[in-house]
């Protein structure tokens, strides 16, 4: 069986996928750092301006 090696997206340490409880992170610490970035809106999902304006207008009409 081949062991899949991955790189932690936060600290870039190498870890294994199969034996890691915090995947895709290397540790609970890195997992919580990532969660904190989402909570403080450091990470954002881009919004399409034209689409969001159309959705706002649709909601106003209802």
PDB file of N, CA and C in Angstrom:
ATOM      1  N   UNK A   1       0.834  -1.180   0.000  1.00  0.00           N
ATOM      2  CA  UNK A   1       0.000   0.000   0.000  1.00  0.00           C
ATOM      3  C   UNK A   1       0.885   1.252   0.000  1.00  0.00           C
ATOM      4  N   UNK A   2       0.549   2.206  -0.838  1.00  0.00           N
ATOM      5  CA  UNK A   2       1.301   3.441  -0.941  1.00  0.00           C
ATOM      6  C   UNK A   2       0.765   4.450   0.065  1.00  0.00           C
ATOM      7  N   UNK A   3       1.666   5.107   0.776  1.00  0.00           N
ATOM      8  CA  UNK A   3       1.283   6.129   1.741  1.00  0.00           C
ATOM      9  C   UNK A   3       1.264   7.475   1.025  1.00  0.00           C
ATOM     10  N   UNK A   4       0.128   8.151   1.107  1.00  0.00           N
ATOM     11  CA  UNK A   4      -0.026   9.442   0.445  1.00  0.00           C
ATOM     12  C   UNK A   4       0.539  10.553   1.322  1.00  0.00           C
ATOM     13  N   UNK A   5       1.528  11.258   0.820  1.00  0.00           N
ATOM     14  CA  UNK A   5       2.127  12.388   1.539  1.00  0.00           C
ATOM     15  C   UNK A   5       1.459  13.674   1.081  1.00  0.00           C
ATOM     16  N   UNK A   6       1.139  14.537   2.037  1.00  0.00           N
ATOM     17  CA  UNK A   6       0.540  15.832   1.714  1.00  0.00           C
ATOM     18  C   UNK A   6       1.316  16.942   2.411  1.00  0.00           C
ATOM     19  N   UNK A   7       1.114  18.162   1.939  1.00  0.00           N
ATOM     20  CA  UNK A   7       1.739  19.332   2.540  1.00  0.00           C
ATOM     21  C   UNK A   7       0.652  20.151   3.229  1.00  0.00           C
ATOM     22  N   UNK A   8       0.899  20.508   4.477  1.00  0.00           N
ATOM     23  CA  UNK A   8      -0.060  21.312   5.238  1.00  0.00           C
ATOM     24  C   UNK A   8      -0.196  22.679   4.579  1.00  0.00           C
ATOM     25  N   UNK A   9      -1.422  23.139   4.304  1.00  0.00           N
ATOM     26  CA  UNK A   9      -1.606  24.428   3.647  1.00  0.00           C
ATOM     27  C   UNK A   9      -1.248  25.631   4.525  1.00  0.00           C
ATOM     28  N   UNK A  10      -1.101  25.437   5.820  1.00  0.00           N
ATOM     29  CA  UNK A  10      -0.768  26.541   6.729  1.00  0.00           C
ATOM     30  C   UNK A  10       0.738  26.646   6.953  1.00  0.00           C
ATOM     31  N   UNK A  11       1.369  25.578   7.428  1.00  0.00           N
ATOM     32  CA  UNK A  11       2.792  25.649   7.783  1.00  0.00           C
ATOM     33  C   UNK A  11       3.711  24.952   6.783  1.00  0.00           C
ATOM     34  N   UNK A  12       3.135  24.261   5.824  1.00  0.00           N
ATOM     35  CA  UNK A  12       3.854  23.557   4.757  1.00  0.00           C
ATOM     36  C   UNK A  12       4.697  22.373   5.244  1.00  0.00           C
ATOM     37  N   UNK A  13       4.393  21.842   6.440  1.00  0.00           N
ATOM     38  CA  UNK A  13       5.040  20.609   6.895  1.00  0.00           C
ATOM     39  C   UNK A  13       4.482  19.441   6.102  1.00  0.00           C
ATOM     40  N   UNK A  14       5.294  18.415   5.908  1.00  0.00           N
ATOM     41  CA  UNK A  14       4.851  17.194   5.244  1.00  0.00           C
ATOM     42  C   UNK A  14       4.190  16.285   6.275  1.00  0.00           C
ATOM     43  N   UNK A  15       3.105  15.645   5.872  1.00  0.00           N
ATOM     44  CA  UNK A  15       2.400  14.702   6.726  1.00  0.00           C
ATOM     45  C   UNK A  15       1.760  13.633   5.855  1.00  0.00           C
ATOM     46  N   UNK A  16       1.211  12.604   6.477  1.00  0.00           N
ATOM     47  CA  UNK A  16       0.539  11.556   5.705  1.00  0.00           C
ATOM     48  C   UNK A  16      -0.964  11.767   5.770  1.00  0.00           C
ATOM     49  N   UNK A  17      -1.652  11.346   4.735  1.00  0.00           N
ATOM     50  CA  UNK A  17      -3.108  11.498   4.676  1.00  0.00           C
ATOM     51  C   UNK A  17      -3.794  10.460   5.555  1.00  0.00           C
ATOM     52  N   UNK A  18      -3.372   9.225   5.467  1.00  0.00           N
ATOM     53  CA  UNK A  18      -4.062   8.121   6.121  1.00  0.00           C
ATOM     54  C   UNK A  18      -4.013   8.184   7.644  1.00  0.00           C
ATOM     55  N   UNK A  19      -2.897   8.565   8.217  1.00  0.00           N
ATOM     56  CA  UNK A  19      -2.712   8.516   9.668  1.00  0.00           C
ATOM     57  C   UNK A  19      -2.989   9.853  10.347  1.00  0.00           C
ATOM     58  N   UNK A  20      -3.478  10.814   9.616  1.00  0.00           N
ATOM     59  CA  UNK A  20      -3.614  12.160  10.129  1.00  0.00           C
ATOM     60  C   UNK A  20      -5.072  12.472  10.466  1.00  0.00           C
ATOM     61  N   UNK A  21      -5.336  12.796  11.724  1.00  0.00           N
ATOM     62  CA  UNK A  21      -6.702  13.101  12.167  1.00  0.00           C
ATOM     63  C   UNK A  21      -7.149  14.507  11.775  1.00  0.00           C
ATOM     64  N   UNK A  22      -6.214  15.380  11.426  1.00  0.00           N
ATOM     65  CA  UNK A  22      -6.537  16.780  11.138  1.00  0.00           C
ATOM     66  C   UNK A  22      -6.418  17.119   9.664  1.00  0.00           C
ATOM     67  N   UNK A  23      -6.382  16.122   8.802  1.00  0.00           N
ATOM     68  CA  UNK A  23      -6.166  16.377   7.375  1.00  0.00           C
ATOM     69  C   UNK A  23      -7.152  17.375   6.808  1.00  0.00           C
ATOM     70  N   UNK A  24      -6.773  18.213   5.932  1.00  0.00           N
ATOM     71  CA  UNK A  24      -5.511  18.288   5.203  1.00  0.00           C
ATOM     72  C   UNK A  24      -4.410  19.036   5.955  1.00  0.00           C
ATOM     73  N   UNK A  25      -4.636  19.351   7.232  1.00  0.00           N
ATOM     74  CA  UNK A  25      -3.635  20.055   8.026  1.00  0.00           C
ATOM     75  C   UNK A  25      -2.753  19.050   8.746  1.00  0.00           C
ATOM     76  N   UNK A  26      -1.613  19.502   9.249  1.00  0.00           N
ATOM     77  CA  UNK A  26      -0.694  18.590   9.923  1.00  0.00           C
ATOM     78  C   UNK A  26      -1.012  18.446  11.404  1.00  0.00           C
ATOM     79  N   UNK A  27      -1.747  19.402  11.964  1.00  0.00           N
ATOM     80  CA  UNK A  27      -2.029  19.372  13.401  1.00  0.00           C
ATOM     81  C   UNK A  27      -3.315  20.133  13.710  1.00  0.00           C
ATOM     82  N   UNK A  28      -3.760  19.973  14.941  1.00  0.00           N
ATOM     83  CA  UNK A  28      -4.940  20.709  15.379  1.00  0.00           C
ATOM     84  C   UNK A  28      -4.658  22.215  15.367  1.00  0.00           C
ATOM     85  N   UNK A  29      -3.437  22.591  15.700  1.00  0.00           N
ATOM     86  CA  UNK A  29      -3.050  24.006  15.703  1.00  0.00           C
ATOM     87  C   UNK A  29      -3.272  24.632  14.325  1.00  0.00           C
ATOM     88  N   UNK A  30      -2.787  23.983  13.267  1.00  0.00           N
ATOM     89  CA  UNK A  30      -2.944  24.509  11.908  1.00  0.00           C
ATOM     90  C   UNK A  30      -4.408  24.533  11.494  1.00  0.00           C
ATOM     91  N   UNK A  31      -5.160  23.534  11.921  1.00  0.00           N
ATOM     92  CA  UNK A  31      -6.593  23.500  11.619  1.00  0.00           C
ATOM     93  C   UNK A  31      -7.304  24.702  12.248  1.00  0.00           C
ATOM     94  N   UNK A  32      -6.949  25.035  13.486  1.00  0.00           N
ATOM     95  CA  UNK A  32      -7.572  26.160  14.176  1.00  0.00           C
ATOM     96  C   UNK A  32      -7.122  27.502  13.601  1.00  0.00           C
ATOM     97  N   UNK A  33      -5.892  27.593  13.150  1.00  0.00           N
ATOM     98  CA  UNK A  33      -5.420  28.809  12.487  1.00  0.00           C
ATOM     99  C   UNK A  33      -6.252  29.056  11.233  1.00  0.00           C
ATOM    100  N   UNK A  34      -6.486  28.007  10.443  1.00  0.00           N
ATOM    101  CA  UNK A  34      -7.292  28.130   9.232  1.00  0.00           C
ATOM    102  C   UNK A  34      -8.729  28.529   9.572  1.00  0.00           C
ATOM    103  N   UNK A  35      -9.305  27.921  10.583  1.00  0.00           N
ATOM    104  CA  UNK A  35     -10.660  28.268  11.005  1.00  0.00           C
ATOM    105  C   UNK A  35     -10.736  29.734  11.421  1.00  0.00           C
ATOM    106  N   UNK A  36      -9.714  30.209  12.131  1.00  0.00           N
ATOM    107  CA  UNK A  36      -9.668  31.604  12.545  1.00  0.00           C
ATOM    108  C   UNK A  36      -9.612  32.557  11.369  1.00  0.00           C
ATOM    109  N   UNK A  37      -8.915  32.167  10.309  1.00  0.00           N
ATOM    110  CA  UNK A  37      -8.845  33.009   9.114  1.00  0.00           C
ATOM    111  C   UNK A  37     -10.208  33.127   8.448  1.00  0.00           C
ATOM    112  N   UNK A  38     -10.985  32.050   8.446  1.00  0.00           N
ATOM    113  CA  UNK A  38     -12.346  32.121   7.895  1.00  0.00           C
ATOM    114  C   UNK A  38     -13.221  32.979   8.808  1.00  0.00           C
ATOM    115  N   UNK A  39     -13.079  32.816  10.115  1.00  0.00           N
ATOM    116  CA  UNK A  39     -13.919  33.546  11.065  1.00  0.00           C
ATOM    117  C   UNK A  39     -13.667  35.057  11.027  1.00  0.00           C
ATOM    118  N   UNK A  40     -12.436  35.457  10.775  1.00  0.00           N
ATOM    119  CA  UNK A  40     -12.116  36.888  10.712  1.00  0.00           C
ATOM    120  C   UNK A  40     -12.222  37.434   9.294  1.00  0.00           C
ATOM    121  N   UNK A  41     -12.750  36.626   8.391  1.00  0.00           N
ATOM    122  CA  UNK A  41     -12.952  36.981   6.985  1.00  0.00           C
ATOM    123  C   UNK A  41     -11.659  37.321   6.253  1.00  0.00           C
ATOM    124  N   UNK A  42     -10.555  36.720   6.710  1.00  0.00           N
ATOM    125  CA  UNK A  42      -9.298  36.854   5.972  1.00  0.00           C
ATOM    126  C   UNK A  42      -9.397  36.085   4.654  1.00  0.00           C
ATOM    127  N   UNK A  43     -10.144  34.982   4.683  1.00  0.00           N
ATOM    128  CA  UNK A  43     -10.464  34.247   3.465  1.00  0.00           C
ATOM    129  C   UNK A  43     -11.863  34.681   3.037  1.00  0.00           C
ATOM    130  N   UNK A  44     -12.053  34.864   1.756  1.00  0.00           N
ATOM    131  CA  UNK A  44     -13.377  35.223   1.240  1.00  0.00           C
ATOM    132  C   UNK A  44     -13.620  34.505  -0.073  1.00  0.00           C
ATOM    133  N   UNK A  45     -14.860  34.181  -0.317  1.00  0.00           N
ATOM    134  CA  UNK A  45     -15.253  33.611  -1.599  1.00  0.00           C
ATOM    135  C   UNK A  45     -15.624  34.778  -2.497  1.00  0.00           C
ATOM    136  N   UNK A  46     -14.974  34.920  -3.656  1.00  0.00           N
ATOM    137  CA  UNK A  46     -15.260  36.066  -4.525  1.00  0.00           C
ATOM    138  C   UNK A  46     -16.723  36.091  -4.961  1.00  0.00           C
ATOM    139  N   UNK A  47     -17.251  37.284  -5.058  1.00  0.00           N
ATOM    140  CA  UNK A  47     -18.645  37.465  -5.432  1.00  0.00           C
ATOM    141  C   UNK A  47     -18.697  38.130  -6.800  1.00  0.00           C
ATOM    142  N   UNK A  48     -19.498  37.593  -7.675  1.00  0.00           N
ATOM    143  CA  UNK A  48     -19.676  38.172  -9.001  1.00  0.00           C
ATOM    144  C   UNK A  48     -20.618  39.368  -8.863  1.00  0.00           C
ATOM    145  N   UNK A  49     -20.132  40.565  -9.160  1.00  0.00           N
ATOM    146  CA  UNK A  49     -20.913  41.790  -8.982  1.00  0.00           C
ATOM    147  C   UNK A  49     -22.236  41.769  -9.750  1.00  0.00           C
ATOM    148  N   UNK A  50     -22.211  41.389 -11.003  1.00  0.00           N
ATOM    149  CA  UNK A  50     -23.431  41.388 -11.815  1.00  0.00           C
ATOM    150  C   UNK A  50     -24.449  40.400 -11.246  1.00  0.00           C
ATOM    151  N   UNK A  51     -23.986  39.247 -10.849  1.00  0.00           N
ATOM    152  CA  UNK A  51     -24.891  38.237 -10.313  1.00  0.00           C
ATOM    153  C   UNK A  51     -25.486  38.706  -8.991  1.00  0.00           C
ATOM    154  N   UNK A  52     -24.667  39.279  -8.115  1.00  0.00           N
ATOM    155  CA  UNK A  52     -25.168  39.695  -6.813  1.00  0.00           C
ATOM    156  C   UNK A  52     -26.160  40.848  -6.949  1.00  0.00           C
ATOM    157  N   UNK A  53     -25.944  41.769  -7.891  1.00  0.00           N
ATOM    158  CA  UNK A  53     -26.893  42.858  -8.103  1.00  0.00           C
ATOM    159  C   UNK A  53     -28.231  42.317  -8.586  1.00  0.00           C
ATOM    160  N   UNK A  54     -28.194  41.352  -9.489  1.00  0.00           N
ATOM    161  CA  UNK A  54     -29.416  40.741  -9.997  1.00  0.00           C
ATOM    162  C   UNK A  54     -30.172  40.028  -8.903  1.00  0.00           C
ATOM    163  N   UNK A  55     -29.472  39.358  -8.012  1.00  0.00           N
ATOM    164  CA  UNK A  55     -30.131  38.663  -6.918  1.00  0.00           C
ATOM    165  C   UNK A  55     -30.740  39.659  -5.947  1.00  0.00           C
ATOM    166  N   UNK A  56     -30.089  40.770  -5.703  1.00  0.00           N
ATOM    167  CA  UNK A  56     -30.630  41.781  -4.787  1.00  0.00           C
ATOM    168  C   UNK A  56     -31.909  42.384  -5.360  1.00  0.00           C
ATOM    169  N   UNK A  57     -31.926  42.667  -6.654  1.00  0.00           N
ATOM    170  CA  UNK A  57     -33.107  43.232  -7.289  1.00  0.00           C
ATOM    171  C   UNK A  57     -34.266  42.242  -7.244  1.00  0.00           C
ATOM    172  N   UNK A  58     -33.963  40.947  -7.459  1.00  0.00           N
ATOM    173  CA  UNK A  58     -35.000  39.921  -7.404  1.00  0.00           C
ATOM    174  C   UNK A  58     -35.633  39.854  -6.003  1.00  0.00           C
ATOM    175  N   UNK A  59     -34.803  39.983  -4.987  1.00  0.00           N
ATOM    176  CA  UNK A  59     -35.312  39.906  -3.611  1.00  0.00           C
ATOM    177  C   UNK A  59     -36.174  41.123  -3.299  1.00  0.00           C
ATOM    178  N   UNK A  60     -35.839  42.301  -3.824  1.00  0.00           N
ATOM    179  CA  UNK A  60     -36.607  43.510  -3.558  1.00  0.00           C
ATOM    180  C   UNK A  60     -37.997  43.419  -4.186  1.00  0.00           C
ATOM    181  N   UNK A  61     -38.092  42.771  -5.340  1.00  0.00           N
ATOM    182  CA  UNK A  61     -39.355  42.674  -6.057  1.00  0.00           C
ATOM    183  C   UNK A  61     -40.330  41.738  -5.352  1.00  0.00           C
ATOM    184  N   UNK A  62     -39.847  40.797  -4.576  1.00  0.00           N
ATOM    185  CA  UNK A  62     -40.710  39.799  -3.934  1.00  0.00           C
ATOM    186  C   UNK A  62     -41.417  40.338  -2.770  1.00  0.00           C
TER     187      UNK A  62
END
